Amino acid sequence: MAEIIQKDGTWVFDGDALRLTPGRDKNVGLLRRTLGELLVPLRALAGVSFEQGKKSGRLRLRLRDGACPLLHATGGRLTEPHDPYQLVVEPDRYGVAEYVADEVRNALLLDQVPAGPVDAYLLPGPSIPLSVSAGDGTANFDGERVRLEWNWKTEDAKAAGGARTLPVDEITAVEWYPSAGLENGRLRFTVRGVPVKTPAKYDPNAVELWGFRKDPLMALVAAAVQARLPHPAAASESAVRPPAEAPRAVAAAPSPSPTPASASASASAEDGHDALLRRLRELGELRREGVLTEEEFTLAKQAVLRRM
């Protein structure tokens, strides 16, 4: 088990998943504190990095595309205090951070976790029910429908239509944008059969955000809804699938066969790589069973990795 405890939060890796717990420091973003503890399965990860700095470092997780509904709904627009997949590390804990990152990397290698996209969410999204007030309205979500209610700051033309109730099966997309410079942010729901033509200020299916403290919490509503929509990979596959074609009479030219020498070298390289992977798994099992000490395991693992 690898663990790092900081004011910014605590990360614990048990070989199968990373448990991310936000800290109670004043610099921890409101979104992270509200989201709470996250359990990230190893198969959801594409990589991990640790970056040292003069005053502090950063542990960062890179998730596989499509694994997390929060990342999909926010499109990488979460700022550092609110990003649950990075941890601020104090200089005196740089060695521990490196160790945690190495353990995650080795587990990804041992389990041969691919770094490519996934076709289903591997994290469940925020807990429901949710109710967030920010900007010109309040967004409520109970798992089946979104209800948008307006406040005294809402544009008259928008408020005149009253509160909106949007069943999940009528929502085709959801997006969250933070305010940036002079441009306001938004939480917008795209509803089947209703074209989006107006700014969020006038759109009855959107909450306009003005850059205040609670704006990031609207991203939790977006993520909870996104987790219950069809996965984007399914929509993408149906969009690019070509129509069936009649079989053609022209035969394809045979592909050239590899020479015996190149085929033998390729097979030998693959066999050697597989053998080293098996050795790494064996070493991990010996460590878990207590046959190898942590120091013995580290030395043996490094020797195998050098050969790879």
Protein backbone atom coordinates (compact mmCIF):
# COMPACT_ATOMS: atom_id res chain seq x y z
CA MET A 1 0.00 0.00 0.00
CA ALA A 2 1.22 3.49 -0.86
CA GLU A 3 -0.09 6.56 0.97
CA ILE A 4 0.59 10.29 1.00
CA ILE A 5 -1.05 12.66 3.50
CA GLN A 6 -1.00 16.40 2.83
CA LYS A 7 -2.97 19.48 3.87
CA ASP A 8 -4.45 19.43 0.36
CA GLY A 9 -5.70 15.87 0.78
CA THR A 10 -4.80 12.19 1.15
CA TRP A 11 -4.17 9.64 -1.59
CA VAL A 12 -4.07 5.93 -0.79
CA PHE A 13 -3.25 3.26 -3.38
CA ASP A 14 -3.92 -0.42 -2.54
CA GLY A 15 -2.92 -1.93 -5.89
CA ASP A 16 -6.45 -1.99 -7.30
CA ALA A 17 -7.71 1.55 -6.80
CA LEU A 18 -6.74 5.02 -5.62
CA ARG A 19 -8.75 6.55 -2.79
CA LEU A 20 -8.68 10.37 -3.06
CA THR A 21 -9.80 12.28 0.02
CA PRO A 22 -9.82 16.10 -0.06
CA GLY A 23 -8.11 17.92 2.79
CA ARG A 24 -9.59 20.57 5.06
CA ASP A 25 -7.13 23.29 4.17
CA LYS A 26 -8.67 26.64 3.20
CA ASN A 27 -7.09 26.37 -0.25
CA VAL A 28 -9.03 23.20 -1.12
CA GLY A 29 -11.71 24.16 -3.66
CA LEU A 30 -15.41 24.09 -2.83
CA LEU A 31 -16.12 21.55 -5.57
CA ARG A 32 -13.58 19.06 -4.17
CA ARG A 33 -14.90 19.44 -0.63
CA THR A 34 -18.49 18.95 -1.78
CA LEU A 35 -17.65 16.02 -4.06
CA GLY A 36 -15.93 14.26 -1.15
CA GLU A 37 -13.95 11.05 -1.34
CA LEU A 38 -13.38 9.43 -4.73
CA LEU A 39 -12.47 5.81 -5.41
CA VAL A 40 -10.70 5.61 -8.77
CA PRO A 41 -10.25 2.05 -10.12
CA LEU A 42 -6.86 1.27 -11.65
CA ARG A 43 -8.46 0.44 -15.01
CA ALA A 44 -9.74 4.05 -15.24
CA LEU A 45 -6.20 5.47 -15.26
CA ALA A 46 -4.08 6.30 -18.28
CA GLY A 47 -1.10 7.55 -16.26
CA VAL A 48 0.25 9.49 -13.30
CA SER A 49 2.88 12.21 -12.99
CA PHE A 50 4.68 14.12 -10.26
CA GLU A 51 6.03 17.61 -10.91
CA GLN A 52 8.41 19.25 -8.45
CA GLY A 53 8.41 22.98 -7.79
CA LYS A 54 10.34 25.34 -5.53
CA LYS A 55 7.45 25.92 -3.14
CA SER A 56 5.29 22.87 -3.84
CA GLY A 57 4.84 19.96 -6.22
CA ARG A 58 1.86 18.38 -7.98
CA LEU A 59 0.72 14.79 -8.20
CA ARG A 60 -1.56 14.48 -11.22
CA LEU A 61 -3.69 11.61 -12.45
CA ARG A 62 -4.50 11.26 -16.12
CA LEU A 63 -7.74 9.36 -16.66
CA ARG A 64 -8.67 7.43 -19.77
CA ASP A 65 -10.97 9.36 -22.10
CA GLY A 66 -14.60 8.69 -21.25
CA ALA A 67 -13.89 7.18 -17.81
CA CYS A 68 -15.18 10.08 -15.68
CA PRO A 69 -18.49 11.91 -16.28
CA LEU A 70 -17.19 14.98 -14.39
CA LEU A 71 -14.24 15.38 -16.75
CA HIS A 72 -16.44 14.84 -19.78
CA ALA A 73 -19.08 17.36 -18.68
CA THR A 74 -16.48 20.02 -17.82
CA GLY A 75 -14.21 19.37 -20.81
CA GLY A 76 -10.99 19.95 -18.88
CA ARG A 77 -12.13 23.40 -17.74
CA LEU A 78 -11.83 22.80 -13.98
CA THR A 79 -9.24 25.08 -12.40
CA GLU A 80 -6.61 23.71 -10.00
CA PRO A 81 -8.37 24.24 -6.64
CA HIS A 82 -11.38 22.30 -7.91
CA ASP A 83 -9.67 19.50 -9.87
CA PRO A 84 -10.03 16.30 -7.78
CA TYR A 85 -7.32 14.51 -9.78
CA GLN A 86 -4.35 16.54 -8.60
CA LEU A 87 -2.74 16.95 -5.19
CA VAL A 88 -0.50 19.74 -3.89
CA VAL A 89 2.63 18.22 -2.30
CA GLU A 90 4.90 19.97 0.20
CA PRO A 91 8.67 19.84 -0.55
CA ASP A 92 9.47 17.58 2.42
CA ARG A 93 7.15 14.89 0.96
CA TYR A 94 8.55 14.81 -2.57
CA GLY A 95 10.09 11.37 -1.98
CA VAL A 96 6.74 9.94 -0.85
CA ALA A 97 5.01 11.46 -3.88
CA GLU A 98 7.55 9.85 -6.20
CA TYR A 99 6.98 6.51 -4.48
CA VAL A 100 3.19 6.74 -4.88
CA ALA A 101 3.56 7.66 -8.56
CA ASP A 102 5.97 4.73 -9.13
CA GLU A 103 3.60 2.27 -7.44
CA VAL A 104 0.70 3.38 -9.65
CA ARG A 105 2.85 3.19 -12.80
CA ASN A 106 4.08 -0.30 -11.92
CA ALA A 107 0.54 -1.50 -11.25
CA LEU A 108 -0.59 -0.15 -14.63
CA LEU A 109 2.28 -2.04 -16.23
CA LEU A 110 1.66 -5.27 -14.32
CA ASP A 111 -2.07 -5.27 -15.08
CA GLN A 112 -1.41 -4.14 -18.67
CA VAL A 113 -4.06 -1.41 -18.41
CA PRO A 114 -4.47 0.26 -21.82
CA ALA A 115 -4.24 4.05 -21.97
CA GLY A 116 -6.87 4.40 -24.68
CA PRO A 117 -10.49 5.56 -24.34
CA VAL A 118 -13.23 3.49 -22.72
CA ASP A 119 -16.79 2.86 -23.90
CA ALA A 120 -18.47 3.13 -20.48
CA TYR A 121 -18.08 5.35 -17.42
CA LEU A 122 -15.82 3.78 -14.79
CA LEU A 123 -16.74 6.31 -12.09
CA PRO A 124 -20.33 6.81 -10.95
CA GLY A 125 -20.50 10.61 -10.86
CA PRO A 126 -21.57 12.79 -7.90
CA SER A 127 -24.14 11.58 -5.38
CA ILE A 128 -27.75 12.62 -5.80
CA PRO A 129 -30.06 14.36 -5.06
CA LEU A 130 -28.28 17.62 -5.83
CA SER A 131 -29.40 21.21 -5.44
CA VAL A 132 -27.12 24.11 -6.35
CA SER A 133 -27.91 27.83 -6.40
CA ALA A 134 -25.61 30.08 -8.42
CA GLY A 135 -25.87 32.78 -11.05
CA ASP A 136 -29.44 33.44 -12.14
CA GLY A 137 -31.01 30.21 -10.89
CA THR A 138 -31.09 26.97 -8.93
CA ALA A 139 -30.53 23.55 -10.50
CA ASN A 140 -32.06 20.50 -8.79
CA PHE A 141 -31.47 16.93 -9.92
CA ASP A 142 -33.02 13.79 -8.42
CA GLY A 143 -31.65 11.23 -10.89
CA GLU A 144 -34.66 11.31 -13.21
CA ARG A 145 -35.32 14.97 -13.92
CA VAL A 146 -33.66 18.37 -13.75
CA ARG A 147 -35.62 21.29 -12.36
CA LEU A 148 -34.42 24.83 -13.05
CA GLU A 149 -35.82 27.62 -10.86
CA TRP A 150 -35.13 31.33 -11.32
CA ASN A 151 -34.28 34.12 -8.90
CA TRP A 152 -34.78 37.88 -8.84
CA LYS A 153 -31.64 38.40 -10.94
CA THR A 154 -32.98 36.37 -13.89
CA GLU A 155 -33.72 38.19 -17.15
CA ASP A 156 -37.46 38.99 -17.28
CA ALA A 157 -38.07 37.21 -20.61
CA LYS A 158 -36.53 34.04 -19.21
CA ALA A 159 -38.21 34.18 -15.82
CA ALA A 160 -41.62 34.76 -17.40
CA GLY A 161 -41.75 31.13 -18.54
CA GLY A 162 -41.52 29.92 -14.95
CA ALA A 163 -39.53 26.98 -13.61
CA ARG A 164 -38.39 24.30 -16.06
CA THR A 165 -38.55 20.52 -15.54
CA LEU A 166 -36.40 18.46 -17.91
CA PRO A 167 -36.68 14.63 -17.87
CA VAL A 168 -33.31 12.94 -18.34
CA ASP A 169 -34.55 10.99 -21.34
CA GLU A 170 -35.26 14.31 -23.12
CA ILE A 171 -31.73 15.66 -22.49
CA THR A 172 -29.21 14.91 -25.24
CA ALA A 173 -26.19 16.83 -23.88
CA VAL A 174 -25.03 18.88 -20.90
CA GLU A 175 -22.16 21.35 -20.63
CA TRP A 176 -20.56 23.50 -17.95
CA TYR A 177 -18.39 26.52 -18.68
CA PRO A 178 -16.84 28.79 -16.03
CA SER A 179 -16.87 32.53 -16.52
CA ALA A 180 -13.71 33.83 -18.19
CA GLY A 181 -12.79 37.50 -18.40
CA LEU A 182 -15.82 39.45 -19.55
CA GLU A 183 -17.64 36.30 -20.71
CA ASN A 184 -20.11 34.74 -18.30
CA GLY A 185 -20.22 31.00 -17.70
CA ARG A 186 -23.15 28.61 -18.00
CA LEU A 187 -24.72 25.29 -17.18
CA ARG A 188 -26.68 24.35 -20.28
CA PHE A 189 -28.88 21.38 -21.11
CA THR A 190 -29.54 20.51 -24.74
CA VAL A 191 -33.07 19.16 -25.07
CA ARG A 192 -34.21 16.88 -27.87
CA GLY A 193 -35.88 18.86 -30.65
CA VAL A 194 -35.02 22.27 -29.17
CA PRO A 195 -32.21 24.07 -31.07
CA VAL A 196 -29.78 26.16 -29.03
CA LYS A 197 -29.82 29.65 -30.53
CA THR A 198 -29.78 32.05 -27.59
CA PRO A 199 -27.18 33.04 -24.94
CA ALA A 200 -27.58 31.47 -21.50
CA LYS A 201 -28.97 34.78 -20.22
CA TYR A 202 -32.16 34.15 -22.27
CA ASP A 203 -32.07 30.35 -22.63
CA PRO A 204 -34.74 28.68 -20.40
CA ASN A 205 -32.69 25.46 -20.42
CA ALA A 206 -29.53 27.13 -19.08
CA VAL A 207 -28.29 28.78 -15.89
CA GLU A 208 -26.05 31.80 -16.46
CA LEU A 209 -22.98 31.96 -14.18
CA TRP A 210 -21.18 35.17 -13.22
CA GLY A 211 -17.95 33.94 -11.67
CA PHE A 212 -19.02 33.74 -8.04
CA ARG A 213 -17.93 31.25 -5.39
CA LYS A 214 -20.59 28.57 -5.98
CA ASP A 215 -20.26 28.45 -9.78
CA PRO A 216 -18.04 25.31 -9.74
CA LEU A 217 -20.78 23.38 -7.90
CA MET A 218 -22.91 23.57 -11.04
CA ALA A 219 -20.29 21.26 -12.57
CA LEU A 220 -21.47 18.57 -10.11
CA VAL A 221 -25.00 18.83 -11.50
CA ALA A 222 -23.60 18.58 -15.02
CA ALA A 223 -21.58 15.48 -14.08
CA ALA A 224 -24.49 13.75 -12.31
CA VAL A 225 -26.68 14.23 -15.40
CA GLN A 226 -23.87 13.21 -17.77
CA ALA A 227 -23.42 9.93 -15.88
CA ARG A 228 -27.02 9.04 -16.76
CA LEU A 229 -26.84 9.92 -20.45
CA PRO A 230 -25.65 7.46 -23.12
CA HIS A 231 -21.86 7.22 -23.09
CA PRO A 232 -20.30 9.45 -25.78
CA ALA A 233 -18.46 6.47 -27.28
CA ALA A 234 -21.77 4.82 -28.16
CA ALA A 235 -23.02 7.96 -29.93
CA SER A 236 -19.69 8.36 -31.72
CA GLU A 237 -19.73 4.76 -32.99
CA SER A 238 -23.24 5.07 -34.40
CA ALA A 239 -22.31 8.36 -36.10
CA VAL A 240 -19.22 7.04 -37.90
CA ARG A 241 -20.38 3.51 -38.72
CA PRO A 242 -20.41 3.28 -42.54
CA PRO A 243 -23.40 1.81 -44.39
CA ALA A 244 -23.14 -1.79 -45.52
CA GLU A 245 -21.65 -2.23 -48.99
CA ALA A 246 -22.14 -4.97 -51.53
CA PRO A 247 -19.15 -7.32 -51.72
CA ARG A 248 -16.64 -6.46 -54.42
CA ALA A 249 -15.36 -8.98 -56.94
CA VAL A 250 -11.82 -7.61 -56.94
CA ALA A 251 -9.54 -9.69 -54.75
CA ALA A 252 -7.10 -7.89 -52.50
CA ALA A 253 -3.41 -8.39 -53.15
CA PRO A 254 -1.82 -10.75 -50.63
CA SER A 255 0.24 -8.99 -47.97
CA PRO A 256 3.94 -9.84 -48.04
CA SER A 257 4.96 -12.52 -45.60
CA PRO A 258 7.66 -11.67 -43.07
CA THR A 259 11.03 -13.24 -43.64
CA PRO A 260 11.94 -16.10 -41.28
CA ALA A 261 14.62 -13.99 -39.60
CA SER A 262 12.34 -11.00 -38.91
CA ALA A 263 9.48 -13.25 -37.76
CA SER A 264 11.81 -15.07 -35.38
CA ALA A 265 13.22 -11.83 -33.95
CA SER A 266 9.73 -10.37 -33.44
CA ALA A 267 8.48 -13.53 -31.70
CA SER A 268 11.59 -13.63 -29.52
CA ALA A 269 11.11 -9.98 -28.44
CA GLU A 270 7.44 -10.58 -27.59
CA ASP A 271 8.26 -13.73 -25.62
CA GLY A 272 10.96 -11.89 -23.67
CA HIS A 273 8.62 -9.00 -22.83
CA ASP A 274 5.88 -11.41 -21.69
CA ALA A 275 8.37 -13.27 -19.51
CA LEU A 276 9.43 -10.03 -17.81
CA LEU A 277 5.79 -9.08 -17.19
CA ARG A 278 5.19 -12.50 -15.64
CA ARG A 279 8.24 -11.98 -13.44
CA LEU A 280 6.90 -8.62 -12.24
CA ARG A 281 3.58 -10.23 -11.34
CA GLU A 282 5.39 -12.98 -9.42
CA LEU A 283 7.41 -10.41 -7.50
CA GLY A 284 4.22 -8.53 -6.60
CA GLU A 285 2.61 -11.73 -5.32
CA LEU A 286 5.69 -12.58 -3.25
CA ARG A 287 5.62 -9.13 -1.68
CA ARG A 288 1.90 -9.40 -0.84
CA GLU A 289 2.50 -12.84 0.73
CA GLY A 290 5.34 -11.48 2.86
CA VAL A 291 8.05 -13.58 1.23
CA LEU A 292 9.87 -10.45 0.03
CA THR A 293 10.46 -7.35 2.11
CA GLU A 294 9.66 -3.96 0.63
CA GLU A 295 13.37 -3.30 0.01
CA GLU A 296 13.94 -6.69 -1.63
CA PHE A 297 10.89 -6.20 -3.84
CA THR A 298 12.04 -2.72 -4.93
CA LEU A 299 15.53 -3.95 -5.87
CA ALA A 300 14.19 -6.95 -7.79
CA LYS A 301 11.56 -4.83 -9.57
CA GLN A 302 14.12 -2.27 -10.67
CA ALA A 303 16.33 -5.02 -12.10
CA VAL A 304 13.42 -6.37 -14.16
CA LEU A 305 12.36 -2.93 -15.38
CA ARG A 306 15.90 -2.19 -16.55
CA ARG A 307 15.81 -5.30 -18.71
CA MET A 308 12.53 -4.09 -20.28
